Amino acid sequence: MAKSLRYVEDATKATRPPREGVPGEQQFCHNCKFLQAGEGEWRPCSIFGGKLVNVNGWCSSWLKAG
């Protein structure tokens, strides 16, 4: 699943197109609506059930939080 959604642990290594009015360089897991609450650098993501993602990561399912 992660591979098909082009998940990377370091978002700066991904080509991130602008989405929802947010430039690609400002898209990270930490500001994505799918990242679940928690503490630390690794947190659960509702896209990747049962898996943790890096808060500085990115995948093609990114949607603006809030």
N, C-alpha and C. Protein backbone atom coordinates (compact mmCIF):
# COMPACT_ATOMS: atom_id res chain seq x y z
N MET A 1 0.83 -1.19 0.00
CA MET A 1 0.00 0.00 0.00
C MET A 1 0.87 1.25 0.00
N ALA A 2 1.86 1.28 0.89
CA ALA A 2 2.73 2.46 0.98
C ALA A 2 3.43 2.71 -0.35
N LYS A 3 3.86 1.66 -0.98
CA LYS A 3 4.56 1.81 -2.27
C LYS A 3 3.62 2.37 -3.33
N SER A 4 2.40 1.87 -3.39
CA SER A 4 1.45 2.34 -4.41
C SER A 4 1.05 3.80 -4.19
N LEU A 5 1.13 4.27 -2.93
CA LEU A 5 0.80 5.68 -2.62
C LEU A 5 2.06 6.55 -2.56
N ARG A 6 3.18 5.98 -2.97
CA ARG A 6 4.47 6.69 -3.04
C ARG A 6 4.89 7.29 -1.69
N TYR A 7 4.59 6.58 -0.59
CA TYR A 7 4.98 7.07 0.74
C TYR A 7 6.50 7.13 0.86
N VAL A 8 6.97 8.22 1.45
CA VAL A 8 8.39 8.38 1.78
C VAL A 8 8.48 8.91 3.21
N GLU A 9 9.51 8.51 3.93
CA GLU A 9 9.71 8.97 5.30
C GLU A 9 10.19 10.41 5.35
N ASP A 10 10.80 10.88 4.28
CA ASP A 10 11.32 12.25 4.18
C ASP A 10 10.65 12.92 2.98
N ALA A 11 9.68 13.77 3.26
CA ALA A 11 8.89 14.40 2.20
C ALA A 11 9.74 15.20 1.21
N THR A 12 10.89 15.69 1.64
CA THR A 12 11.72 16.48 0.74
C THR A 12 12.27 15.65 -0.41
N LYS A 13 12.16 14.32 -0.30
CA LYS A 13 12.63 13.43 -1.36
C LYS A 13 11.52 13.02 -2.32
N ALA A 14 10.34 13.63 -2.18
CA ALA A 14 9.20 13.29 -3.04
C ALA A 14 8.83 14.48 -3.92
N THR A 15 8.31 14.18 -5.08
CA THR A 15 7.73 15.21 -5.93
C THR A 15 6.30 15.41 -5.46
N ARG A 16 6.03 16.56 -4.87
CA ARG A 16 4.73 16.83 -4.25
C ARG A 16 4.02 17.94 -5.02
N PRO A 17 3.01 17.59 -5.80
CA PRO A 17 2.29 18.62 -6.55
C PRO A 17 1.43 19.47 -5.61
N PRO A 18 1.17 20.72 -5.98
CA PRO A 18 0.27 21.55 -5.17
C PRO A 18 -1.09 20.85 -5.05
N ARG A 19 -1.68 20.95 -3.86
CA ARG A 19 -2.97 20.31 -3.64
C ARG A 19 -3.74 21.13 -2.60
N GLU A 20 -5.00 21.33 -2.84
CA GLU A 20 -5.89 22.06 -1.93
C GLU A 20 -5.33 23.44 -1.58
N GLY A 21 -4.68 24.09 -2.52
CA GLY A 21 -4.12 25.41 -2.30
C GLY A 21 -2.83 25.42 -1.48
N VAL A 22 -2.27 24.24 -1.23
CA VAL A 22 -1.03 24.13 -0.45
C VAL A 22 0.10 23.73 -1.40
N PRO A 23 1.16 24.55 -1.46
CA PRO A 23 2.30 24.19 -2.30
C PRO A 23 2.90 22.85 -1.86
N GLY A 24 3.42 22.10 -2.79
CA GLY A 24 3.98 20.79 -2.49
C GLY A 24 5.02 20.82 -1.39
N GLU A 25 5.88 21.84 -1.37
CA GLU A 25 6.94 21.89 -0.37
C GLU A 25 6.42 22.11 1.05
N GLN A 26 5.14 22.39 1.21
CA GLN A 26 4.53 22.56 2.54
C GLN A 26 3.68 21.36 2.97
N GLN A 27 3.69 20.30 2.18
CA GLN A 27 2.89 19.11 2.49
C GLN A 27 3.75 18.07 3.22
N PHE A 28 3.32 17.70 4.42
CA PHE A 28 3.98 16.70 5.24
C PHE A 28 2.90 15.89 5.95
N CYS A 29 3.26 14.72 6.43
CA CYS A 29 2.30 13.94 7.21
C CYS A 29 1.79 14.73 8.41
N HIS A 30 2.63 15.56 9.02
CA HIS A 30 2.21 16.28 10.22
C HIS A 30 1.10 17.30 9.96
N ASN A 31 0.85 17.67 8.69
CA ASN A 31 -0.27 18.57 8.41
C ASN A 31 -1.29 17.92 7.46
N CYS A 32 -1.36 16.60 7.53
CA CYS A 32 -2.31 15.83 6.72
C CYS A 32 -3.48 15.37 7.60
N LYS A 33 -4.67 15.39 7.04
CA LYS A 33 -5.86 15.02 7.81
C LYS A 33 -5.88 13.55 8.23
N PHE A 34 -5.08 12.70 7.60
CA PHE A 34 -5.09 11.28 7.92
C PHE A 34 -4.16 10.89 9.08
N LEU A 35 -3.25 11.78 9.47
CA LEU A 35 -2.36 11.48 10.59
C LEU A 35 -3.17 11.52 11.88
N GLN A 36 -3.02 10.50 12.68
CA GLN A 36 -3.78 10.41 13.92
C GLN A 36 -3.02 11.07 15.06
N ALA A 37 -3.77 11.48 16.07
CA ALA A 37 -3.18 12.16 17.22
C ALA A 37 -2.13 11.28 17.90
N GLY A 38 -1.18 11.92 18.51
CA GLY A 38 -0.15 11.19 19.22
C GLY A 38 1.04 12.08 19.48
N GLU A 39 2.07 11.48 20.00
CA GLU A 39 3.31 12.17 20.32
C GLU A 39 4.44 11.54 19.53
N GLY A 40 5.47 12.30 19.30
CA GLY A 40 6.68 11.77 18.70
C GLY A 40 6.73 11.86 17.19
N GLU A 41 7.84 11.37 16.67
CA GLU A 41 8.15 11.45 15.24
C GLU A 41 7.39 10.42 14.40
N TRP A 42 6.96 9.33 15.01
CA TRP A 42 6.23 8.27 14.32
C TRP A 42 4.83 8.16 14.92
N ARG A 43 3.81 8.25 14.05
CA ARG A 43 2.42 8.20 14.53
C ARG A 43 1.57 7.35 13.58
N PRO A 44 0.42 6.89 14.09
CA PRO A 44 -0.49 6.12 13.24
C PRO A 44 -1.13 7.00 12.16
N CYS A 45 -1.39 6.39 11.04
CA CYS A 45 -2.07 7.06 9.92
C CYS A 45 -3.29 6.22 9.56
N SER A 46 -4.42 6.88 9.38
CA SER A 46 -5.65 6.13 9.07
C SER A 46 -5.62 5.50 7.67
N ILE A 47 -4.76 5.94 6.80
CA ILE A 47 -4.60 5.32 5.47
C ILE A 47 -3.89 3.97 5.59
N PHE A 48 -2.86 3.92 6.43
CA PHE A 48 -2.05 2.72 6.59
C PHE A 48 -2.40 2.04 7.90
N GLY A 49 -3.58 1.45 7.98
CA GLY A 49 -4.08 0.83 9.21
C GLY A 49 -3.05 -0.02 9.93
N GLY A 50 -2.83 0.28 11.20
CA GLY A 50 -1.91 -0.49 12.01
C GLY A 50 -0.44 -0.16 11.80
N LYS A 51 -0.14 0.79 10.96
CA LYS A 51 1.25 1.16 10.68
C LYS A 51 1.51 2.59 11.14
N LEU A 52 2.78 2.89 11.42
CA LEU A 52 3.18 4.23 11.80
C LEU A 52 3.86 4.91 10.62
N VAL A 53 3.70 6.21 10.54
CA VAL A 53 4.37 7.00 9.50
C VAL A 53 5.19 8.09 10.18
N ASN A 54 6.20 8.56 9.50
CA ASN A 54 7.02 9.64 10.00
C ASN A 54 6.29 10.96 9.81
N VAL A 55 6.26 11.81 10.82
CA VAL A 55 5.54 13.08 10.72
C VAL A 55 6.12 13.98 9.64
N ASN A 56 7.36 13.72 9.23
CA ASN A 56 7.99 14.51 8.17
C ASN A 56 7.91 13.81 6.82
N GLY A 57 7.08 12.77 6.75
CA GLY A 57 6.90 12.03 5.52
C GLY A 57 5.81 12.62 4.64
N TRP A 58 5.47 11.88 3.59
CA TRP A 58 4.44 12.31 2.64
C TRP A 58 3.98 11.11 1.83
N CYS A 59 2.72 11.12 1.38
CA CYS A 59 2.25 10.14 0.39
C CYS A 59 1.25 10.84 -0.52
N SER A 60 0.90 10.19 -1.60
CA SER A 60 0.03 10.82 -2.61
C SER A 60 -1.42 10.98 -2.14
N SER A 61 -1.75 10.45 -0.98
CA SER A 61 -3.10 10.63 -0.43
C SER A 61 -3.21 11.89 0.44
N TRP A 62 -2.13 12.65 0.53
CA TRP A 62 -2.09 13.83 1.41
C TRP A 62 -3.30 14.73 1.16
N LEU A 63 -3.97 15.10 2.26
CA LEU A 63 -5.05 16.10 2.24
C LEU A 63 -4.85 17.03 3.43
N LYS A 64 -5.11 18.27 3.22
CA LYS A 64 -4.91 19.30 4.24
C LYS A 64 -5.72 19.02 5.50
N ALA A 65 -5.05 19.05 6.65
CA ALA A 65 -5.70 18.85 7.94
C ALA A 65 -6.52 20.09 8.29
N GLY A 66 -7.56 19.86 9.04
CA GLY A 66 -8.31 20.99 9.56
C GLY A 66 -9.60 21.15 8.93
